[in-house]
Every structure is written in structure tokens, then in C-alpha cells.
Amino acid sequence: MSSKGSNYGDIHRYEPARESTAATIAIVLLTMVEIAFVAVFAYGLVTGWGVDPVGNMYLGFLLAAIFIDLSFVLLLYRKEFLPDVMIVKKRRRKWEDLYVREDQVDGESAFGDVSEQFKKAIYPYYEK
């Protein structure tokens, strides 16, 4: 589904998610493996495996496995269950700073009011 609208916030392209059964089964299995890794990691922390250098290395491996498994769960979820939506955004110039107001886009004159610029440079909270 696409729209021809060019206003800010209009949906330009929408592709629904696949929602496959194989991805659901894989996410459930990876979640079970994740729970097992977390249980072994918690058991290792409680029993003091971190005191021994080899046990500390084993806990590091478990922690890495936990985060890698979690990344695969999130990757599958994003790819299979979230729709692909492209919306129209406001285009900005590359050099334009995000904090510049629209009336200040062109900048100010370098030699406009030198005394005001000098006062602002010396006392930054000076108001007109």
C-alpha cells in the first residue's frame, strides 16, 4: 500500500509483516535457551564462580551468549513481525543545525551591529 501524499507524516510505503510460524517457533526456542543461560549465569554468580579465573572466564562466556541469543531473538522479531513503513519526513539541509530557527537559517551579518556582538561576547546573558 502506498500513497502519493507528500505532506509531513504521510505514509509513503507500507508492507505488512510476514508473521511466519517458523519464526515464532524459533523465537520461542531461543527464548528458552536464553532463560537457561540466565539461570546458569545466576547460579554461577551465587555460588562464586567469579572468584576463580577460569570460572570468571566461564561467566563472561555465559554473559556473551546471553546477549548474542537476545540479539537473535530481537532480529527475528523485527524482521518477521514488524511492518516496513516509510513515512514522509521534513527534508533538512546538510549544513543546517537542528537548533537553528527558521528565521535564522540565513545567518546574521558579520558587521551588522558590532557593539551588540561585543556585548554578547563579553556578557553572554545580555538581552536586547
N, C-alpha and C. Protein backbone atom coordinates (compact mmCIF):
# COMPACT_ATOMS: atom_id res chain seq x y z
N MET A 1 0.84 -1.17 0.00
CA MET A 1 0.00 0.00 0.00
C MET A 1 0.89 1.24 0.00
N SER A 2 0.72 2.12 -0.94
CA SER A 2 1.47 3.36 -1.00
C SER A 2 0.51 4.51 -1.21
N SER A 3 0.97 5.67 -0.81
CA SER A 3 0.17 6.86 -1.03
C SER A 3 1.02 7.86 -1.79
N LYS A 4 0.33 8.77 -2.45
CA LYS A 4 1.03 9.80 -3.23
C LYS A 4 1.20 11.08 -2.43
N GLY A 5 0.77 11.08 -1.17
CA GLY A 5 0.86 12.28 -0.35
C GLY A 5 2.30 12.68 -0.09
N SER A 6 2.54 13.97 -0.08
CA SER A 6 3.88 14.45 0.19
C SER A 6 3.91 15.35 1.41
N ASN A 7 2.86 15.32 2.21
CA ASN A 7 2.83 16.11 3.43
C ASN A 7 3.62 15.40 4.51
N TYR A 8 4.09 16.18 5.46
CA TYR A 8 4.87 15.62 6.56
C TYR A 8 4.02 14.63 7.35
N GLY A 9 4.52 13.41 7.52
CA GLY A 9 3.83 12.39 8.30
C GLY A 9 2.99 11.44 7.47
N ASP A 10 2.81 11.69 6.17
CA ASP A 10 2.06 10.76 5.32
C ASP A 10 2.84 9.47 5.15
N ILE A 11 2.14 8.36 5.07
CA ILE A 11 2.79 7.07 4.85
C ILE A 11 3.09 6.95 3.36
N HIS A 12 4.36 6.81 3.04
CA HIS A 12 4.79 6.70 1.65
C HIS A 12 4.74 5.26 1.17
N ARG A 13 5.14 4.31 2.04
CA ARG A 13 5.13 2.90 1.68
C ARG A 13 4.81 2.09 2.93
N TYR A 14 3.97 1.06 2.78
CA TYR A 14 3.63 0.19 3.90
C TYR A 14 3.60 -1.25 3.41
N GLU A 15 4.47 -2.08 3.95
CA GLU A 15 4.48 -3.50 3.63
C GLU A 15 4.22 -4.26 4.92
N PRO A 16 3.14 -5.05 4.97
CA PRO A 16 2.82 -5.76 6.21
C PRO A 16 3.86 -6.82 6.55
N ALA A 17 3.90 -7.21 7.81
CA ALA A 17 4.87 -8.21 8.27
C ALA A 17 4.46 -9.59 7.80
N ARG A 18 5.46 -10.50 7.69
CA ARG A 18 5.18 -11.86 7.21
C ARG A 18 4.51 -12.72 8.26
N GLU A 19 4.93 -12.59 9.51
CA GLU A 19 4.39 -13.34 10.65
C GLU A 19 4.41 -14.85 10.40
N SER A 20 5.57 -15.39 10.09
CA SER A 20 5.67 -16.82 9.79
C SER A 20 5.68 -17.66 11.06
N THR A 21 5.19 -18.90 10.92
CA THR A 21 5.13 -19.83 12.05
C THR A 21 6.53 -20.30 12.43
N ALA A 22 7.40 -20.47 11.44
CA ALA A 22 8.78 -20.92 11.72
C ALA A 22 9.51 -19.89 12.58
N ALA A 23 9.29 -18.61 12.31
CA ALA A 23 9.92 -17.56 13.12
C ALA A 23 9.39 -17.57 14.54
N THR A 24 8.10 -17.84 14.70
CA THR A 24 7.51 -17.91 16.03
C THR A 24 8.13 -19.05 16.84
N ILE A 25 8.27 -20.22 16.21
CA ILE A 25 8.87 -21.37 16.88
C ILE A 25 10.33 -21.09 17.23
N ALA A 26 11.06 -20.46 16.30
CA ALA A 26 12.46 -20.14 16.56
C ALA A 26 12.59 -19.14 17.72
N ILE A 27 11.70 -18.16 17.78
CA ILE A 27 11.76 -17.18 18.88
C ILE A 27 11.47 -17.86 20.20
N VAL A 28 10.50 -18.76 20.23
CA VAL A 28 10.18 -19.47 21.47
C VAL A 28 11.36 -20.34 21.91
N LEU A 29 11.98 -21.06 20.99
CA LEU A 29 13.13 -21.90 21.34
C LEU A 29 14.31 -21.06 21.81
N LEU A 30 14.59 -19.96 21.12
CA LEU A 30 15.69 -19.09 21.54
C LEU A 30 15.41 -18.45 22.90
N THR A 31 14.15 -18.18 23.19
CA THR A 31 13.80 -17.63 24.49
C THR A 31 14.04 -18.66 25.59
N MET A 32 13.73 -19.93 25.32
CA MET A 32 14.01 -20.99 26.30
C MET A 32 15.51 -21.14 26.55
N VAL A 33 16.30 -21.05 25.49
CA VAL A 33 17.76 -21.11 25.63
C VAL A 33 18.25 -19.90 26.42
N GLU A 34 17.65 -18.75 26.16
CA GLU A 34 18.00 -17.52 26.90
C GLU A 34 17.74 -17.69 28.39
N ILE A 35 16.59 -18.25 28.74
CA ILE A 35 16.25 -18.47 30.14
C ILE A 35 17.22 -19.44 30.79
N ALA A 36 17.62 -20.48 30.05
CA ALA A 36 18.59 -21.43 30.59
C ALA A 36 19.95 -20.77 30.84
N PHE A 37 20.40 -19.95 29.89
CA PHE A 37 21.67 -19.24 30.07
C PHE A 37 21.62 -18.30 31.27
N VAL A 38 20.51 -17.59 31.42
CA VAL A 38 20.37 -16.67 32.55
C VAL A 38 20.36 -17.43 33.87
N ALA A 39 19.70 -18.59 33.90
CA ALA A 39 19.66 -19.40 35.12
C ALA A 39 21.06 -19.90 35.50
N VAL A 40 21.81 -20.38 34.51
CA VAL A 40 23.18 -20.86 34.79
C VAL A 40 24.07 -19.70 35.22
N PHE A 41 23.90 -18.53 34.60
CA PHE A 41 24.69 -17.36 34.97
C PHE A 41 24.38 -16.94 36.41
N ALA A 42 23.10 -16.91 36.76
CA ALA A 42 22.71 -16.54 38.13
C ALA A 42 23.24 -17.56 39.14
N TYR A 43 23.16 -18.84 38.80
CA TYR A 43 23.70 -19.88 39.68
C TYR A 43 25.21 -19.70 39.87
N GLY A 44 25.91 -19.37 38.79
CA GLY A 44 27.35 -19.14 38.88
C GLY A 44 27.70 -17.94 39.73
N LEU A 45 26.90 -16.90 39.65
CA LEU A 45 27.16 -15.72 40.50
C LEU A 45 26.92 -16.04 41.97
N VAL A 46 25.86 -16.79 42.25
CA VAL A 46 25.52 -17.10 43.64
C VAL A 46 26.54 -18.04 44.26
N THR A 47 27.02 -19.01 43.50
CA THR A 47 27.97 -19.99 44.05
C THR A 47 29.41 -19.50 44.05
N GLY A 48 29.71 -18.38 43.42
CA GLY A 48 31.05 -17.80 43.49
C GLY A 48 32.01 -18.28 42.43
N TRP A 49 31.51 -18.55 41.24
CA TRP A 49 32.40 -18.95 40.16
C TRP A 49 33.33 -17.80 39.75
N GLY A 50 32.95 -16.58 40.02
CA GLY A 50 33.74 -15.43 39.60
C GLY A 50 35.04 -15.25 40.36
N VAL A 51 35.21 -15.97 41.47
CA VAL A 51 36.44 -15.86 42.26
C VAL A 51 37.61 -16.53 41.54
N ASP A 52 37.33 -17.65 40.93
CA ASP A 52 38.34 -18.41 40.19
C ASP A 52 38.52 -17.79 38.80
N PRO A 53 39.75 -17.66 38.29
CA PRO A 53 39.93 -17.07 36.95
C PRO A 53 39.22 -17.85 35.83
N VAL A 54 39.23 -19.19 35.93
CA VAL A 54 38.55 -19.98 34.91
C VAL A 54 37.04 -19.80 35.03
N GLY A 55 36.53 -19.78 36.26
CA GLY A 55 35.11 -19.55 36.46
C GLY A 55 34.68 -18.17 36.01
N ASN A 56 35.54 -17.18 36.22
CA ASN A 56 35.25 -15.83 35.76
C ASN A 56 35.16 -15.78 34.24
N MET A 57 36.06 -16.52 33.57
CA MET A 57 36.02 -16.60 32.12
C MET A 57 34.74 -17.30 31.65
N TYR A 58 34.32 -18.32 32.40
CA TYR A 58 33.10 -19.04 32.07
C TYR A 58 31.89 -18.13 32.22
N LEU A 59 31.85 -17.31 33.27
CA LEU A 59 30.76 -16.36 33.45
C LEU A 59 30.74 -15.32 32.32
N GLY A 60 31.91 -14.90 31.88
CA GLY A 60 31.98 -13.96 30.75
C GLY A 60 31.44 -14.58 29.48
N PHE A 61 31.77 -15.86 29.27
CA PHE A 61 31.23 -16.56 28.10
C PHE A 61 29.70 -16.64 28.18
N LEU A 62 29.18 -16.96 29.36
CA LEU A 62 27.73 -17.05 29.52
C LEU A 62 27.06 -15.70 29.27
N LEU A 63 27.66 -14.64 29.76
CA LEU A 63 27.10 -13.31 29.56
C LEU A 63 27.10 -12.94 28.08
N ALA A 64 28.18 -13.28 27.39
CA ALA A 64 28.23 -13.02 25.95
C ALA A 64 27.17 -13.84 25.22
N ALA A 65 27.00 -15.11 25.62
CA ALA A 65 26.00 -15.96 24.99
C ALA A 65 24.59 -15.43 25.24
N ILE A 66 24.35 -14.87 26.41
CA ILE A 66 23.04 -14.30 26.73
C ILE A 66 22.73 -13.15 25.77
N PHE A 67 23.68 -12.24 25.58
CA PHE A 67 23.42 -11.09 24.73
C PHE A 67 23.35 -11.45 23.25
N ILE A 68 24.14 -12.42 22.82
CA ILE A 68 24.07 -12.86 21.42
C ILE A 68 22.73 -13.53 21.14
N ASP A 69 22.29 -14.38 22.08
CA ASP A 69 20.99 -15.02 21.92
C ASP A 69 19.86 -13.99 21.90
N LEU A 70 19.94 -13.01 22.78
CA LEU A 70 18.94 -11.94 22.81
C LEU A 70 18.93 -11.15 21.50
N SER A 71 20.11 -10.93 20.93
CA SER A 71 20.16 -10.20 19.66
C SER A 71 19.49 -10.99 18.54
N PHE A 72 19.62 -12.31 18.54
CA PHE A 72 18.95 -13.11 17.52
C PHE A 72 17.43 -13.10 17.72
N VAL A 73 16.98 -13.11 18.95
CA VAL A 73 15.53 -13.03 19.22
C VAL A 73 14.99 -11.70 18.70
N LEU A 74 15.67 -10.61 19.01
CA LEU A 74 15.20 -9.29 18.56
C LEU A 74 15.29 -9.13 17.05
N LEU A 75 16.31 -9.72 16.44
CA LEU A 75 16.46 -9.66 14.99
C LEU A 75 15.31 -10.39 14.29
N LEU A 76 15.00 -11.59 14.78
CA LEU A 76 13.88 -12.33 14.19
C LEU A 76 12.56 -11.60 14.39
N TYR A 77 12.36 -11.05 15.57
CA TYR A 77 11.12 -10.34 15.83
C TYR A 77 10.97 -9.12 14.92
N ARG A 78 12.05 -8.35 14.78
CA ARG A 78 11.98 -7.17 13.93
C ARG A 78 11.74 -7.52 12.47
N LYS A 79 12.40 -8.57 12.00
CA LYS A 79 12.28 -8.93 10.59
C LYS A 79 10.94 -9.56 10.25
N GLU A 80 10.39 -10.37 11.15
CA GLU A 80 9.19 -11.13 10.82
C GLU A 80 7.89 -10.54 11.33
N PHE A 81 7.93 -9.71 12.37
CA PHE A 81 6.68 -9.28 12.99
C PHE A 81 6.44 -7.77 12.99
N LEU A 82 7.37 -6.98 12.52
CA LEU A 82 7.15 -5.53 12.43
C LEU A 82 6.97 -5.13 10.97
N PRO A 83 5.97 -4.32 10.66
CA PRO A 83 5.77 -3.91 9.26
C PRO A 83 6.85 -2.94 8.81
N ASP A 84 7.07 -2.91 7.49
CA ASP A 84 8.03 -1.98 6.91
C ASP A 84 7.27 -0.73 6.48
N VAL A 85 7.48 0.36 7.21
CA VAL A 85 6.73 1.59 6.96
C VAL A 85 7.73 2.70 6.65
N MET A 86 7.47 3.43 5.56
CA MET A 86 8.28 4.60 5.24
C MET A 86 7.36 5.81 5.24
N ILE A 87 7.70 6.80 6.07
CA ILE A 87 6.87 8.00 6.15
C ILE A 87 7.62 9.17 5.53
N VAL A 88 6.88 10.18 5.16
CA VAL A 88 7.46 11.39 4.58
C VAL A 88 7.98 12.25 5.72
N LYS A 89 9.24 12.64 5.64
CA LYS A 89 9.84 13.49 6.67
C LYS A 89 10.22 14.83 6.07
N LYS A 90 10.39 15.81 6.95
CA LYS A 90 10.81 17.12 6.51
C LYS A 90 12.28 17.06 6.13
N ARG A 91 12.60 17.50 4.94
CA ARG A 91 13.97 17.45 4.47
C ARG A 91 14.74 18.65 5.01
N ARG A 92 15.93 18.38 5.52
CA ARG A 92 16.77 19.45 6.05
C ARG A 92 18.03 19.56 5.20
N ARG A 93 18.57 20.77 5.20
CA ARG A 93 19.85 20.95 4.52
C ARG A 93 20.94 20.29 5.33
N LYS A 94 21.98 19.82 4.69
CA LYS A 94 23.04 19.09 5.39
C LYS A 94 23.77 19.97 6.39
N TRP A 95 23.95 21.23 6.08
CA TRP A 95 24.74 22.11 6.94
C TRP A 95 23.89 22.71 8.04
N GLU A 96 22.56 22.55 7.96
CA GLU A 96 21.67 23.22 8.89
C GLU A 96 21.70 22.53 10.25
N ASP A 97 21.94 23.29 11.27
CA ASP A 97 21.97 22.76 12.62
C ASP A 97 20.54 22.53 13.09
N LEU A 98 20.33 21.54 13.92
CA LEU A 98 18.98 21.23 14.39
C LEU A 98 18.41 22.31 15.29
N TYR A 99 19.25 23.12 15.89
CA TYR A 99 18.79 24.12 16.84
C TYR A 99 18.60 25.49 16.22
N VAL A 100 18.75 25.62 14.93
CA VAL A 100 18.59 26.90 14.27
C VAL A 100 17.11 27.09 13.95
N ARG A 101 16.57 28.25 14.32
CA ARG A 101 15.17 28.55 13.99
C ARG A 101 15.08 28.93 12.52
N GLU A 102 13.88 28.82 11.96
CA GLU A 102 13.71 29.08 10.53
C GLU A 102 14.04 30.52 10.14
N ASP A 103 13.80 31.47 11.04
CA ASP A 103 14.10 32.86 10.69
C ASP A 103 15.60 33.15 10.77
N GLN A 104 16.40 32.24 11.34
CA GLN A 104 17.84 32.44 11.44
C GLN A 104 18.64 31.55 10.49
N VAL A 105 17.97 30.92 9.53
CA VAL A 105 18.65 29.98 8.64
C VAL A 105 19.73 30.68 7.81
N ASP A 106 19.46 31.88 7.35
CA ASP A 106 20.42 32.58 6.50
C ASP A 106 21.55 33.22 7.30
N GLY A 107 21.48 33.21 8.61
CA GLY A 107 22.54 33.75 9.43
C GLY A 107 22.37 35.25 9.67
N GLU A 108 23.39 35.83 10.25
CA GLU A 108 23.38 37.27 10.54
C GLU A 108 24.57 37.92 9.86
N SER A 109 24.45 39.21 9.68
CA SER A 109 25.53 39.97 9.05
C SER A 109 26.74 40.01 9.99
N ALA A 110 27.91 39.84 9.45
CA ALA A 110 29.13 39.83 10.26
C ALA A 110 29.45 41.22 10.81
N PHE A 111 29.07 42.25 10.09
CA PHE A 111 29.40 43.61 10.51
C PHE A 111 28.15 44.42 10.85
N GLY A 112 27.05 43.76 11.16
CA GLY A 112 25.78 44.44 11.40
C GLY A 112 25.85 45.42 12.55
N ASP A 113 25.83 44.93 13.77
CA ASP A 113 25.88 45.80 14.93
C ASP A 113 27.04 45.30 15.80
N VAL A 114 28.20 45.87 15.59
CA VAL A 114 29.42 45.40 16.25
C VAL A 114 29.35 45.57 17.75
N SER A 115 28.74 46.64 18.22
CA SER A 115 28.67 46.88 19.66
C SER A 115 27.80 45.82 20.34
N GLU A 116 26.68 45.43 19.72
CA GLU A 116 25.82 44.39 20.30
C GLU A 116 26.56 43.05 20.32
N GLN A 117 27.30 42.75 19.25
CA GLN A 117 28.06 41.49 19.21
C GLN A 117 29.14 41.48 20.29
N PHE A 118 29.76 42.61 20.51
CA PHE A 118 30.80 42.71 21.54
C PHE A 118 30.20 42.52 22.93
N LYS A 119 29.02 43.11 23.17
CA LYS A 119 28.36 42.95 24.46
C LYS A 119 27.96 41.49 24.69
N LYS A 120 27.48 40.82 23.65
CA LYS A 120 27.09 39.41 23.77
C LYS A 120 28.32 38.52 24.00
N ALA A 121 29.44 38.89 23.41
CA ALA A 121 30.65 38.08 23.59
C ALA A 121 31.18 38.22 25.00
N ILE A 122 31.10 39.42 25.58
CA ILE A 122 31.61 39.65 26.94
C ILE A 122 30.62 39.15 27.97
N TYR A 123 29.34 39.44 27.78
CA TYR A 123 28.33 39.04 28.75
C TYR A 123 27.27 38.20 27.99
N PRO A 124 27.39 36.88 28.05
CA PRO A 124 26.55 36.03 27.19
C PRO A 124 25.06 36.09 27.50
N TYR A 125 24.68 36.51 28.71
CA TYR A 125 23.26 36.56 29.06
C TYR A 125 22.64 37.92 28.81
N TYR A 126 23.34 38.74 28.05
CA TYR A 126 22.85 40.08 27.72
C TYR A 126 21.62 39.96 26.83
N GLU A 127 20.57 40.67 27.16
CA GLU A 127 19.35 40.68 26.34
C GLU A 127 19.18 42.04 25.70
N LYS A 128 18.56 42.05 24.55
CA LYS A 128 18.32 43.31 23.83
C LYS A 128 17.26 44.12 24.53
